[in-house]
Amino acid sequence: MSSLMHKGKFDADFLNDYGQAVVKYEREYPGDPGVAWRDTAHLDYPPTGNANDPLSSFMDALGHNPAASLDFFNVSTGQGDD
């Protein structure tokens, strides 16, 4: 999914669900956060030898959908729908 998120505009509900899951995984990862995504999968498409960090790609996708970005950060910071 990381490679796809660099292009297009995704549905706000999907982005919020995806973002919450990615953040939860990173916060609960028991090991070194620097290798969180390298331990469980080979996320290197297109093949470059470097893993694609899903959180970085998610942030890029939020940049294509300002409304989803506001929703995500309002919820994640406790600001609600204000």
Protein backbone atom coordinates (compact mmCIF):
# COMPACT_ATOMS: atom_id res chain seq x y z
CA MET A 1 0.00 0.00 0.00
CA SER A 2 2.89 2.36 0.71
CA SER A 3 3.87 2.66 -2.94
CA LEU A 4 0.30 3.46 -3.97
CA MET A 5 -0.19 6.24 -1.46
CA HIS A 6 2.23 8.58 -3.21
CA LYS A 7 -0.34 9.15 -5.96
CA GLY A 8 -4.03 9.95 -6.02
CA LYS A 9 -6.58 11.03 -3.44
CA PHE A 10 -7.85 8.39 -1.03
CA ASP A 11 -11.15 8.36 0.84
CA ALA A 12 -10.93 10.17 4.19
CA ASP A 13 -12.47 7.29 6.16
CA PHE A 14 -10.01 4.84 4.65
CA LEU A 15 -7.05 7.10 5.40
CA ASN A 16 -8.13 7.59 9.00
CA ASP A 17 -8.59 3.85 9.57
CA TYR A 18 -5.29 3.05 7.87
CA GLY A 19 -3.44 5.79 9.74
CA GLN A 20 -4.77 4.72 13.12
CA ALA A 21 -3.67 1.13 12.44
CA VAL A 22 -0.18 2.18 11.32
CA VAL A 23 0.32 4.48 14.31
CA LYS A 24 -0.95 1.82 16.71
CA TYR A 25 1.45 -0.76 15.25
CA GLU A 26 4.42 1.57 15.55
CA ARG A 27 3.56 2.56 19.12
CA GLU A 28 3.12 -1.06 20.24
CA TYR A 29 6.10 -2.49 18.36
CA PRO A 30 8.26 -4.18 21.00
CA GLY A 31 11.61 -3.74 19.24
CA ASP A 32 13.66 -0.93 17.80
CA PRO A 33 11.27 1.46 15.99
CA GLY A 34 13.89 1.95 13.28
CA VAL A 35 13.37 -1.63 12.14
CA ALA A 36 9.63 -1.99 12.84
CA TRP A 37 8.71 -2.43 9.20
CA ARG A 38 11.81 -4.38 8.18
CA ASP A 39 11.23 -7.24 10.64
CA THR A 40 7.78 -8.23 9.41
CA ALA A 41 7.78 -7.71 5.66
CA HIS A 42 9.85 -6.84 2.64
CA LEU A 43 8.35 -3.50 1.68
CA ASP A 44 10.55 -2.56 -1.22
CA TYR A 45 8.39 -1.89 -4.24
CA PRO A 46 9.66 -0.68 -6.56
CA PRO A 47 12.71 -2.78 -5.71
CA THR A 48 15.41 -0.46 -4.40
CA GLY A 49 16.71 -2.40 -1.42
CA ASN A 50 15.18 0.15 0.96
CA ALA A 51 11.98 -0.54 2.82
CA ASN A 52 9.08 1.87 2.26
CA ASP A 53 7.91 3.17 5.59
CA PRO A 54 4.08 3.00 5.61
CA LEU A 55 3.82 6.01 7.93
CA SER A 56 5.83 8.18 5.56
CA SER A 57 3.64 7.14 2.63
CA PHE A 58 0.53 7.73 4.73
CA MET A 59 1.66 11.29 5.46
CA ASP A 60 2.17 11.81 1.73
CA ALA A 61 -1.39 10.57 1.09
CA LEU A 62 -2.75 12.98 3.70
CA GLY A 63 -1.08 15.77 1.74
CA HIS A 64 -3.32 14.90 -1.21
CA ASN A 65 -6.49 15.09 0.90
CA PRO A 66 -6.57 18.14 3.22
CA ALA A 67 -9.96 17.21 4.72
CA ALA A 68 -8.69 13.75 5.68
CA SER A 69 -5.56 15.35 7.10
CA LEU A 70 -7.58 17.64 9.35
CA ASP A 71 -9.78 14.75 10.47
CA PHE A 72 -6.80 12.52 11.26
CA PHE A 73 -4.84 15.11 13.21
CA ASN A 74 -7.89 16.43 15.07
CA VAL A 75 -8.68 12.92 16.30
CA SER A 76 -5.07 11.97 17.04
CA THR A 77 -4.46 15.15 19.05
CA GLY A 78 -7.78 14.98 20.93
CA GLN A 79 -9.21 18.07 19.27
CA GLY A 80 -12.30 16.29 17.93
CA ASP A 81 -14.26 17.80 15.06
CA ASP A 82 -13.79 21.43 16.08
